[in-house]
Each structure stands twice: as C-alpha cells, then as structure tokens.
Amino acid sequence: MAQKGIHPVYKTSVITCACGNRVETFSTRGDFMVDICSNCHPFYTGKQKFVDAAGRIERFQKKYAKSTAGKAAAADKAAAEAAAAAAGEAAAPDAAAATP
C-alpha cells in the first residue's frame, strides 16, 4: 500500500473554534484553531442577514427594465413597419392593375 518515506503522517488532531466547538479529526498539521465553524457561522445557523445597501437591487432592476422595455418597443415598432411595408407592396400591384 503506502510506501515508506513519501506519504505524510496523519495523526489525530483537534480543531477548536473561537466559539468553543471542538472537532476531532485527522490531519498532518496537528491541533489548530479556527475563527468560525458550522456551529457559529450565520449561513449555517439561519441568522444570516441580507443587506440591501441604499436600494441597489431596485436601482438595478429599474435601470435594466427600461432597456429591455425599450428593446421590446423597438422590436414591436419594426415589426409593425415591416407589416405595413408588406401590406403596401401587396396593395401596390393591385393599384397598378386597377388604374387604366
């Protein structure tokens, strides 16, 4: 299996959090401390706060709602012009045939 001299030595270690939580595991570095763990991290404890600084989300949505609405209006206008042009071309040969 493992060759001598090339693999690290895994030894029992204890990871200690600043909140006091202790986790026993294996590591090559031994015992050490961490600042935050899954017991005290806001994401895992459900105490996470969402901060909307000065309505940035609303400003973003408002800004890009205008540009997408403008593009949609321009596309509708182009489609209407194309339909009018197609109707005009279809009407032009009939008008020429009707005129003696």
PDB file of N, CA and C in Angstrom:
ATOM      1  N   MET A   1       0.828  -1.193   0.000  1.00  0.00           N
ATOM      2  CA  MET A   1       0.000   0.000   0.000  1.00  0.00           C
ATOM      3  C   MET A   1       0.871   1.253   0.000  1.00  0.00           C
ATOM      4  N   ALA A   2       0.951   1.937   1.137  1.00  0.00           N
ATOM      5  CA  ALA A   2       1.704   3.186   1.215  1.00  0.00           C
ATOM      6  C   ALA A   2       3.191   2.903   1.328  1.00  0.00           C
ATOM      7  N   GLN A   3       3.974   3.587   0.516  1.00  0.00           N
ATOM      8  CA  GLN A   3       5.418   3.407   0.573  1.00  0.00           C
ATOM      9  C   GLN A   3       5.985   4.248   1.706  1.00  0.00           C
ATOM     10  N   LYS A   4       7.036   3.760   2.315  1.00  0.00           N
ATOM     11  CA  LYS A   4       7.649   4.489   3.414  1.00  0.00           C
ATOM     12  C   LYS A   4       8.414   5.687   2.892  1.00  0.00           C
ATOM     13  N   GLY A   5       8.301   6.790   3.609  1.00  0.00           N
ATOM     14  CA  GLY A   5       9.108   7.964   3.297  1.00  0.00           C
ATOM     15  C   GLY A   5       8.502   8.946   2.304  1.00  0.00           C
ATOM     16  N   ILE A   6       7.408   8.596   1.617  1.00  0.00           N
ATOM     17  CA  ILE A   6       6.861   9.544   0.636  1.00  0.00           C
ATOM     18  C   ILE A   6       5.467  10.049   1.006  1.00  0.00           C
ATOM     19  N   HIS A   7       4.791   9.416   1.958  1.00  0.00           N
ATOM     20  CA  HIS A   7       3.451   9.823   2.341  1.00  0.00           C
ATOM     21  C   HIS A   7       3.485  10.560   3.680  1.00  0.00           C
ATOM     22  N   PRO A   8       2.636  11.569   3.837  1.00  0.00           N
ATOM     23  CA  PRO A   8       2.626  12.299   5.106  1.00  0.00           C
ATOM     24  C   PRO A   8       2.044  11.439   6.228  1.00  0.00           C
ATOM     25  N   VAL A   9       2.390  11.791   7.427  1.00  0.00           N
ATOM     26  CA  VAL A   9       1.898  11.073   8.591  1.00  0.00           C
ATOM     27  C   VAL A   9       0.618  11.757   9.075  1.00  0.00           C
ATOM     28  N   TYR A  10      -0.483  11.029   9.061  1.00  0.00           N
ATOM     29  CA  TYR A  10      -1.751  11.556   9.555  1.00  0.00           C
ATOM     30  C   TYR A  10      -1.875  11.183  11.021  1.00  0.00           C
ATOM     31  N   LYS A  11      -2.096  12.199  11.825  1.00  0.00           N
ATOM     32  CA  LYS A  11      -2.241  11.945  13.250  1.00  0.00           C
ATOM     33  C   LYS A  11      -3.544  12.571  13.731  1.00  0.00           C
ATOM     34  N   THR A  12      -4.003  12.133  14.864  1.00  0.00           N
ATOM     35  CA  THR A  12      -5.233  12.672  15.441  1.00  0.00           C
ATOM     36  C   THR A  12      -5.005  14.133  15.797  1.00  0.00           C
ATOM     37  N   SER A  13      -5.970  14.977  15.423  1.00  0.00           N
ATOM     38  CA  SER A  13      -5.868  16.402  15.746  1.00  0.00           C
ATOM     39  C   SER A  13      -7.228  16.912  16.175  1.00  0.00           C
ATOM     40  N   VAL A  14      -7.211  18.022  16.890  1.00  0.00           N
ATOM     41  CA  VAL A  14      -8.437  18.654  17.368  1.00  0.00           C
ATOM     42  C   VAL A  14      -8.492  20.056  16.791  1.00  0.00           C
ATOM     43  N   ILE A  15      -9.588  20.340  16.094  1.00  0.00           N
ATOM     44  CA  ILE A  15      -9.812  21.680  15.552  1.00  0.00           C
ATOM     45  C   ILE A  15     -10.739  22.396  16.525  1.00  0.00           C
ATOM     46  N   THR A  16     -10.302  23.534  17.039  1.00  0.00           N
ATOM     47  CA  THR A  16     -11.074  24.278  18.020  1.00  0.00           C
ATOM     48  C   THR A  16     -11.507  25.604  17.417  1.00  0.00           C
ATOM     49  N   CYS A  17     -12.797  25.900  17.539  1.00  0.00           N
ATOM     50  CA  CYS A  17     -13.344  27.156  17.015  1.00  0.00           C
ATOM     51  C   CYS A  17     -13.304  28.216  18.118  1.00  0.00           C
ATOM     52  N   ALA A  18     -13.405  29.477  17.729  1.00  0.00           N
ATOM     53  CA  ALA A  18     -13.439  30.578  18.693  1.00  0.00           C
ATOM     54  C   ALA A  18     -14.695  30.509  19.557  1.00  0.00           C
ATOM     55  N   CYS A  19     -15.753  29.873  19.052  1.00  0.00           N
ATOM     56  CA  CYS A  19     -16.993  29.747  19.827  1.00  0.00           C
ATOM     57  C   CYS A  19     -16.911  28.631  20.860  1.00  0.00           C
ATOM     58  N   GLY A  20     -15.870  27.806  20.793  1.00  0.00           N
ATOM     59  CA  GLY A  20     -15.704  26.727  21.751  1.00  0.00           C
ATOM     60  C   GLY A  20     -15.988  25.351  21.179  1.00  0.00           C
ATOM     61  N   ASN A  21     -16.504  25.278  19.980  1.00  0.00           N
ATOM     62  CA  ASN A  21     -16.790  23.982  19.357  1.00  0.00           C
ATOM     63  C   ASN A  21     -15.479  23.260  19.047  1.00  0.00           C
ATOM     64  N   ARG A  22     -15.435  21.976  19.329  1.00  0.00           N
ATOM     65  CA  ARG A  22     -14.248  21.168  19.078  1.00  0.00           C
ATOM     66  C   ARG A  22     -14.607  20.025  18.132  1.00  0.00           C
ATOM     67  N   VAL A  23     -13.750  19.795  17.140  1.00  0.00           N
ATOM     68  CA  VAL A  23     -13.947  18.714  16.179  1.00  0.00           C
ATOM     69  C   VAL A  23     -12.684  17.862  16.175  1.00  0.00           C
ATOM     70  N   GLU A  24     -12.838  16.581  16.387  1.00  0.00           N
ATOM     71  CA  GLU A  24     -11.700  15.666  16.338  1.00  0.00           C
ATOM     72  C   GLU A  24     -11.644  15.042  14.949  1.00  0.00           C
ATOM     73  N   THR A  25     -10.454  15.091  14.358  1.00  0.00           N
ATOM     74  CA  THR A  25     -10.260  14.578  13.012  1.00  0.00           C
ATOM     75  C   THR A  25      -8.814  14.130  12.859  1.00  0.00           C
ATOM     76  N   PHE A  26      -8.400  13.857  11.642  1.00  0.00           N
ATOM     77  CA  PHE A  26      -7.006  13.511  11.361  1.00  0.00           C
ATOM     78  C   PHE A  26      -6.420  14.587  10.477  1.00  0.00           C
ATOM     79  N   SER A  27      -5.155  14.915  10.717  1.00  0.00           N
ATOM     80  CA  SER A  27      -4.507  15.966   9.962  1.00  0.00           C
ATOM     81  C   SER A  27      -3.004  15.756   9.984  1.00  0.00           C
ATOM     82  N   THR A  28      -2.323  16.363   9.029  1.00  0.00           N
ATOM     83  CA  THR A  28      -0.865  16.321   9.026  1.00  0.00           C
ATOM     84  C   THR A  28      -0.285  17.463   9.849  1.00  0.00           C
ATOM     85  N   ARG A  29      -1.092  18.436  10.212  1.00  0.00           N
ATOM     86  CA  ARG A  29      -0.556  19.597  10.906  1.00  0.00           C
ATOM     87  C   ARG A  29      -0.801  19.587  12.406  1.00  0.00           C
ATOM     88  N   GLY A  30      -1.602  18.711  12.919  1.00  0.00           N
ATOM     89  CA  GLY A  30      -1.829  18.644  14.361  1.00  0.00           C
ATOM     90  C   GLY A  30      -3.009  19.492  14.786  1.00  0.00           C
ATOM     91  N   ASP A  31      -3.026  19.885  16.052  1.00  0.00           N
ATOM     92  CA  ASP A  31      -4.127  20.689  16.592  1.00  0.00           C
ATOM     93  C   ASP A  31      -4.028  22.127  16.086  1.00  0.00           C
ATOM     94  N   PHE A  32      -5.203  22.745  15.810  1.00  0.00           N
ATOM     95  CA  PHE A  32      -5.208  24.158  15.435  1.00  0.00           C
ATOM     96  C   PHE A  32      -6.557  24.775  15.732  1.00  0.00           C
ATOM     97  N   MET A  33      -6.601  26.111  15.670  1.00  0.00           N
ATOM     98  CA  MET A  33      -7.814  26.868  15.970  1.00  0.00           C
ATOM     99  C   MET A  33      -8.315  27.564  14.704  1.00  0.00           C
ATOM    100  N   VAL A  34      -9.641  27.734  14.640  1.00  0.00           N
ATOM    101  CA  VAL A  34     -10.260  28.476  13.547  1.00  0.00           C
ATOM    102  C   VAL A  34     -11.129  29.580  14.142  1.00  0.00           C
ATOM    103  N   ASP A  35     -11.419  30.596  13.347  1.00  0.00           N
ATOM    104  CA  ASP A  35     -12.226  31.719  13.813  1.00  0.00           C
ATOM    105  C   ASP A  35     -13.717  31.427  13.777  1.00  0.00           C
ATOM    106  N   ILE A  36     -14.146  30.627  12.809  1.00  0.00           N
ATOM    107  CA  ILE A  36     -15.577  30.395  12.630  1.00  0.00           C
ATOM    108  C   ILE A  36     -15.796  28.967  12.153  1.00  0.00           C
ATOM    109  N   CYS A  37     -16.888  28.359  12.581  1.00  0.00           N
ATOM    110  CA  CYS A  37     -17.192  26.980  12.201  1.00  0.00           C
ATOM    111  C   CYS A  37     -18.668  26.876  11.820  1.00  0.00           C
ATOM    112  N   SER A  38     -19.113  25.674  11.497  1.00  0.00           N
ATOM    113  CA  SER A  38     -20.510  25.494  11.090  1.00  0.00           C
ATOM    114  C   SER A  38     -21.474  25.679  12.257  1.00  0.00           C
ATOM    115  N   ASN A  39     -20.993  25.624  13.490  1.00  0.00           N
ATOM    116  CA  ASN A  39     -21.855  25.862  14.653  1.00  0.00           C
ATOM    117  C   ASN A  39     -22.166  27.334  14.858  1.00  0.00           C
ATOM    118  N   CYS A  40     -21.254  28.213  14.455  1.00  0.00           N
ATOM    119  CA  CYS A  40     -21.458  29.636  14.725  1.00  0.00           C
ATOM    120  C   CYS A  40     -21.548  30.491  13.458  1.00  0.00           C
ATOM    121  N   HIS A  41     -21.346  29.910  12.282  1.00  0.00           N
ATOM    122  CA  HIS A  41     -21.426  30.689  11.039  1.00  0.00           C
ATOM    123  C   HIS A  41     -22.877  31.057  10.750  1.00  0.00           C
ATOM    124  N   PRO A  42     -23.162  32.326  10.421  1.00  0.00           N
ATOM    125  CA  PRO A  42     -24.546  32.761  10.203  1.00  0.00           C
ATOM    126  C   PRO A  42     -25.277  32.004   9.106  1.00  0.00           C
ATOM    127  N   PHE A  43     -24.576  31.568   8.078  1.00  0.00           N
ATOM    128  CA  PHE A  43     -25.232  30.850   6.987  1.00  0.00           C
ATOM    129  C   PHE A  43     -25.796  29.522   7.480  1.00  0.00           C
ATOM    130  N   TYR A  44     -25.053  28.834   8.303  1.00  0.00           N
ATOM    131  CA  TYR A  44     -25.474  27.516   8.785  1.00  0.00           C
ATOM    132  C   TYR A  44     -26.435  27.599   9.965  1.00  0.00           C
ATOM    133  N   THR A  45     -26.391  28.683  10.727  1.00  0.00           N
ATOM    134  CA  THR A  45     -27.262  28.808  11.898  1.00  0.00           C
ATOM    135  C   THR A  45     -28.603  29.433  11.550  1.00  0.00           C
ATOM    136  N   GLY A  46     -28.756  29.979  10.344  1.00  0.00           N
ATOM    137  CA  GLY A  46     -30.018  30.599   9.942  1.00  0.00           C
ATOM    138  C   GLY A  46     -30.148  32.030  10.397  1.00  0.00           C
ATOM    139  N   LYS A  47     -29.091  32.636  10.862  1.00  0.00           N
ATOM    140  CA  LYS A  47     -29.120  34.024  11.326  1.00  0.00           C
ATOM    141  C   LYS A  47     -28.505  34.967  10.306  1.00  0.00           C
ATOM    142  N   GLN A  48     -28.479  34.546   9.063  1.00  0.00           N
ATOM    143  CA  GLN A  48     -27.883  35.339   8.002  1.00  0.00           C
ATOM    144  C   GLN A  48     -28.747  36.555   7.711  1.00  0.00           C
ATOM    145  N   LYS A  49     -28.118  37.698   7.503  1.00  0.00           N
ATOM    146  CA  LYS A  49     -28.827  38.933   7.201  1.00  0.00           C
ATOM    147  C   LYS A  49     -28.530  39.331   5.758  1.00  0.00           C
ATOM    148  N   PHE A  50     -29.571  39.716   5.049  1.00  0.00           N
ATOM    149  CA  PHE A  50     -29.399  40.222   3.699  1.00  0.00           C
ATOM    150  C   PHE A  50     -29.435  41.737   3.761  1.00  0.00           C
ATOM    151  N   VAL A  51     -28.400  42.363   3.262  1.00  0.00           N
ATOM    152  CA  VAL A  51     -28.287  43.807   3.338  1.00  0.00           C
ATOM    153  C   VAL A  51     -28.492  44.385   1.944  1.00  0.00           C
ATOM    154  N   ASP A  52     -29.467  45.237   1.817  1.00  0.00           N
ATOM    155  CA  ASP A  52     -29.715  45.944   0.566  1.00  0.00           C
ATOM    156  C   ASP A  52     -29.266  47.379   0.784  1.00  0.00           C
ATOM    157  N   ALA A  53     -28.053  47.679   0.392  1.00  0.00           N
ATOM    158  CA  ALA A  53     -27.470  48.992   0.642  1.00  0.00           C
ATOM    159  C   ALA A  53     -28.062  50.024  -0.306  1.00  0.00           C
ATOM    160  N   ALA A  54     -28.890  50.876   0.232  1.00  0.00           N
ATOM    161  CA  ALA A  54     -29.458  52.022  -0.490  1.00  0.00           C
ATOM    162  C   ALA A  54     -30.249  51.612  -1.723  1.00  0.00           C
ATOM    163  N   GLY A  55     -30.959  50.495  -1.675  1.00  0.00           N
ATOM    164  CA  GLY A  55     -31.833  50.092  -2.771  1.00  0.00           C
ATOM    165  C   GLY A  55     -31.108  49.737  -4.046  1.00  0.00           C
ATOM    166  N   ARG A  56     -29.942  49.154  -3.947  1.00  0.00           N
ATOM    167  CA  ARG A  56     -29.160  48.830  -5.148  1.00  0.00           C
ATOM    168  C   ARG A  56     -29.882  47.839  -6.048  1.00  0.00           C
ATOM    169  N   ILE A  57     -30.566  46.901  -5.455  1.00  0.00           N
ATOM    170  CA  ILE A  57     -31.278  45.906  -6.262  1.00  0.00           C
ATOM    171  C   ILE A  57     -32.383  46.578  -7.059  1.00  0.00           C
ATOM    172  N   GLU A  58     -33.145  47.457  -6.405  1.00  0.00           N
ATOM    173  CA  GLU A  58     -34.232  48.148  -7.101  1.00  0.00           C
ATOM    174  C   GLU A  58     -33.686  49.052  -8.200  1.00  0.00           C
ATOM    175  N   ARG A  59     -32.560  49.723  -7.924  1.00  0.00           N
ATOM    176  CA  ARG A  59     -31.973  50.583  -8.962  1.00  0.00           C
ATOM    177  C   ARG A  59     -31.534  49.753 -10.163  1.00  0.00           C
ATOM    178  N   PHE A  60     -30.942  48.586  -9.916  1.00  0.00           N
ATOM    179  CA  PHE A  60     -30.505  47.710 -10.996  1.00  0.00           C
ATOM    180  C   PHE A  60     -31.699  47.249 -11.822  1.00  0.00           C
ATOM    181  N   GLN A  61     -32.747  46.789 -11.149  1.00  0.00           N
ATOM    182  CA  GLN A  61     -33.926  46.305 -11.860  1.00  0.00           C
ATOM    183  C   GLN A  61     -34.588  47.426 -12.639  1.00  0.00           C
ATOM    184  N   LYS A  62     -34.651  48.610 -12.059  1.00  0.00           N
ATOM    185  CA  LYS A  62     -35.259  49.758 -12.735  1.00  0.00           C
ATOM    186  C   LYS A  62     -34.453  50.132 -13.975  1.00  0.00           C
ATOM    187  N   LYS A  63     -33.139  50.128 -13.841  1.00  0.00           N
ATOM    188  CA  LYS A  63     -32.257  50.506 -14.948  1.00  0.00           C
ATOM    189  C   LYS A  63     -32.407  49.544 -16.127  1.00  0.00           C
ATOM    190  N   TYR A  64     -32.377  48.250 -15.842  1.00  0.00           N
ATOM    191  CA  TYR A  64     -32.425  47.274 -16.920  1.00  0.00           C
ATOM    192  C   TYR A  64     -33.836  46.962 -17.369  1.00  0.00           C
ATOM    193  N   ALA A  65     -34.832  47.317 -16.599  1.00  0.00           N
ATOM    194  CA  ALA A  65     -36.210  47.161 -17.049  1.00  0.00           C
ATOM    195  C   ALA A  65     -36.477  48.154 -18.171  1.00  0.00           C
ATOM    196  N   LYS A  66     -35.916  49.353 -18.049  1.00  0.00           N
ATOM    197  CA  LYS A  66     -36.079  50.362 -19.095  1.00  0.00           C
ATOM    198  C   LYS A  66     -35.433  49.899 -20.397  1.00  0.00           C
ATOM    199  N   SER A  67     -34.227  49.371 -20.323  1.00  0.00           N
ATOM    200  CA  SER A  67     -33.537  48.984 -21.550  1.00  0.00           C
ATOM    201  C   SER A  67     -34.221  47.798 -22.219  1.00  0.00           C
ATOM    202  N   THR A  68     -34.726  46.846 -21.460  1.00  0.00           N
ATOM    203  CA  THR A  68     -35.408  45.712 -22.084  1.00  0.00           C
ATOM    204  C   THR A  68     -36.774  46.133 -22.609  1.00  0.00           C
ATOM    205  N   ALA A  69     -37.433  47.059 -21.907  1.00  0.00           N
ATOM    206  CA  ALA A  69     -38.718  47.552 -22.390  1.00  0.00           C
ATOM    207  C   ALA A  69     -38.512  48.362 -23.672  1.00  0.00           C
ATOM    208  N   GLY A  70     -37.433  49.127 -23.725  1.00  0.00           N
ATOM    209  CA  GLY A  70     -37.119  49.899 -24.925  1.00  0.00           C
ATOM    210  C   GLY A  70     -36.822  49.005 -26.114  1.00  0.00           C
ATOM    211  N   LYS A  71     -36.108  47.917 -25.882  1.00  0.00           N
ATOM    212  CA  LYS A  71     -35.803  46.981 -26.956  1.00  0.00           C
ATOM    213  C   LYS A  71     -37.070  46.293 -27.447  1.00  0.00           C
ATOM    214  N   ALA A  72     -37.965  45.956 -26.521  1.00  0.00           N
ATOM    215  CA  ALA A  72     -39.218  45.309 -26.896  1.00  0.00           C
ATOM    216  C   ALA A  72     -40.085  46.268 -27.708  1.00  0.00           C
ATOM    217  N   ALA A  73     -40.128  47.535 -27.303  1.00  0.00           N
ATOM    218  CA  ALA A  73     -40.911  48.531 -28.038  1.00  0.00           C
ATOM    219  C   ALA A  73     -40.327  48.740 -29.430  1.00  0.00           C
ATOM    220  N   ALA A  74     -39.012  48.783 -29.545  1.00  0.00           N
ATOM    221  CA  ALA A  74     -38.367  48.955 -30.843  1.00  0.00           C
ATOM    222  C   ALA A  74     -38.640  47.752 -31.745  1.00  0.00           C
ATOM    223  N   ALA A  75     -38.621  46.566 -31.186  1.00  0.00           N
ATOM    224  CA  ALA A  75     -38.902  45.362 -31.972  1.00  0.00           C
ATOM    225  C   ALA A  75     -40.352  45.364 -32.447  1.00  0.00           C
ATOM    226  N   ASP A  76     -41.291  45.788 -31.583  1.00  0.00           N
ATOM    227  CA  ASP A  76     -42.702  45.878 -31.972  1.00  0.00           C
ATOM    228  C   ASP A  76     -42.888  46.907 -33.082  1.00  0.00           C
ATOM    229  N   LYS A  77     -42.196  48.030 -32.962  1.00  0.00           N
ATOM    230  CA  LYS A  77     -42.300  49.091 -33.967  1.00  0.00           C
ATOM    231  C   LYS A  77     -41.742  48.597 -35.302  1.00  0.00           C
ATOM    232  N   ALA A  78     -40.607  47.898 -35.277  1.00  0.00           N
ATOM    233  CA  ALA A  78     -40.011  47.372 -36.511  1.00  0.00           C
ATOM    234  C   ALA A  78     -40.930  46.341 -37.152  1.00  0.00           C
ATOM    235  N   ALA A  79     -41.563  45.518 -36.354  1.00  0.00           N
ATOM    236  CA  ALA A  79     -42.482  44.510 -36.886  1.00  0.00           C
ATOM    237  C   ALA A  79     -43.701  45.181 -37.518  1.00  0.00           C
ATOM    238  N   ALA A  80     -44.195  46.231 -36.878  1.00  0.00           N
ATOM    239  CA  ALA A  80     -45.345  46.953 -37.415  1.00  0.00           C
ATOM    240  C   ALA A  80     -44.988  47.625 -38.741  1.00  0.00           C
ATOM    241  N   GLU A  81     -43.782  48.204 -38.814  1.00  0.00           N
ATOM    242  CA  GLU A  81     -43.342  48.844 -40.056  1.00  0.00           C
ATOM    243  C   GLU A  81     -43.166  47.815 -41.167  1.00  0.00           C
ATOM    244  N   ALA A  82     -42.626  46.644 -40.811  1.00  0.00           N
ATOM    245  CA  ALA A  82     -42.442  45.594 -41.813  1.00  0.00           C
ATOM    246  C   ALA A  82     -43.788  45.093 -42.312  1.00  0.00           C
ATOM    247  N   ALA A  83     -44.768  44.979 -41.425  1.00  0.00           N
ATOM    248  CA  ALA A  83     -46.101  44.543 -41.826  1.00  0.00           C
ATOM    249  C   ALA A  83     -46.753  45.594 -42.718  1.00  0.00           C
ATOM    250  N   ALA A  84     -46.555  46.858 -42.368  1.00  0.00           N
ATOM    251  CA  ALA A  84     -47.127  47.934 -43.184  1.00  0.00           C
ATOM    252  C   ALA A  84     -46.472  47.965 -44.564  1.00  0.00           C
ATOM    253  N   ALA A  85     -45.168  47.751 -44.601  1.00  0.00           N
ATOM    254  CA  ALA A  85     -44.469  47.741 -45.884  1.00  0.00           C
ATOM    255  C   ALA A  85     -44.923  46.557 -46.728  1.00  0.00           C
ATOM    256  N   ALA A  86     -45.121  45.411 -46.104  1.00  0.00           N
ATOM    257  CA  ALA A  86     -45.590  44.230 -46.836  1.00  0.00           C
ATOM    258  C   ALA A  86     -47.002  44.463 -47.353  1.00  0.00           C
ATOM    259  N   ALA A  87     -47.832  45.108 -46.542  1.00  0.00           N
ATOM    260  CA  ALA A  87     -49.195  45.410 -46.979  1.00  0.00           C
ATOM    261  C   ALA A  87     -49.174  46.442 -48.101  1.00  0.00           C
ATOM    262  N   GLY A  88     -48.247  47.382 -48.031  1.00  0.00           N
ATOM    263  CA  GLY A  88     -48.121  48.401 -49.074  1.00  0.00           C
ATOM    264  C   GLY A  88     -47.652  47.792 -50.385  1.00  0.00           C
ATOM    265  N   GLU A  89     -46.735  46.845 -50.342  1.00  0.00           N
ATOM    266  CA  GLU A  89     -46.250  46.180 -51.543  1.00  0.00           C
ATOM    267  C   GLU A  89     -47.355  45.331 -52.159  1.00  0.00           C
ATOM    268  N   ALA A  90     -48.148  44.693 -51.307  1.00  0.00           N
ATOM    269  CA  ALA A  90     -49.239  43.871 -51.807  1.00  0.00           C
ATOM    270  C   ALA A  90     -50.316  44.757 -52.424  1.00  0.00           C
ATOM    271  N   ALA A  91     -50.520  45.942 -51.883  1.00  0.00           N
ATOM    272  CA  ALA A  91     -51.538  46.852 -52.392  1.00  0.00           C
ATOM    273  C   ALA A  91     -51.064  47.548 -53.656  1.00  0.00           C
ATOM    274  N   ALA A  92     -49.794  47.753 -53.825  1.00  0.00           N
ATOM    275  CA  ALA A  92     -49.261  48.475 -54.977  1.00  0.00           C
ATOM    276  C   ALA A  92     -49.552  47.754 -56.295  1.00  0.00           C
ATOM    277  N   PRO A  93     -49.358  46.456 -56.447  1.00  0.00           N
ATOM    278  CA  PRO A  93     -49.676  45.815 -57.722  1.00  0.00           C
ATOM    279  C   PRO A  93     -51.175  45.859 -58.010  1.00  0.00           C
ATOM    280  N   ASP A  94     -52.025  45.763 -56.998  1.00  0.00           N
ATOM    281  CA  ASP A  94     -53.457  45.844 -57.219  1.00  0.00           C
ATOM    282  C   ASP A  94     -53.835  47.234 -57.697  1.00  0.00           C
ATOM    283  N   ALA A  95     -53.202  48.246 -57.129  1.00  0.00           N
ATOM    284  CA  ALA A  95     -53.495  49.630 -57.512  1.00  0.00           C
ATOM    285  C   ALA A  95     -53.046  49.870 -58.957  1.00  0.00           C
ATOM    286  N   ALA A  96     -51.924  49.296 -59.334  1.00  0.00           N
ATOM    287  CA  ALA A  96     -51.427  49.482 -60.714  1.00  0.00           C
ATOM    288  C   ALA A  96     -52.344  48.774 -61.697  1.00  0.00           C
ATOM    289  N   ALA A  97     -52.872  47.638 -61.327  1.00  0.00           N
ATOM    290  CA  ALA A  97     -53.746  46.878 -62.217  1.00  0.00           C
ATOM    291  C   ALA A  97     -55.103  47.575 -62.342  1.00  0.00           C
ATOM    292  N   ALA A  98     -55.536  48.217 -61.296  1.00  0.00           N
ATOM    293  CA  ALA A  98     -56.838  48.875 -61.305  1.00  0.00           C
ATOM    294  C   ALA A  98     -56.811  50.163 -62.109  1.00  0.00           C
ATOM    295  N   THR A  99     -55.659  50.782 -62.250  1.00  0.00           N
ATOM    296  CA  THR A  99     -55.570  52.047 -62.970  1.00  0.00           C
ATOM    297  C   THR A  99     -55.353  51.770 -64.465  1.00  0.00           C
ATOM    298  N   PRO A 100     -56.213  52.318 -65.351  1.00  0.00           N
ATOM    299  CA  PRO A 100     -56.062  52.049 -66.791  1.00  0.00           C
ATOM    300  C   PRO A 100     -55.036  52.910 -67.451  1.00  0.00           C
TER     301      PRO A 100
END
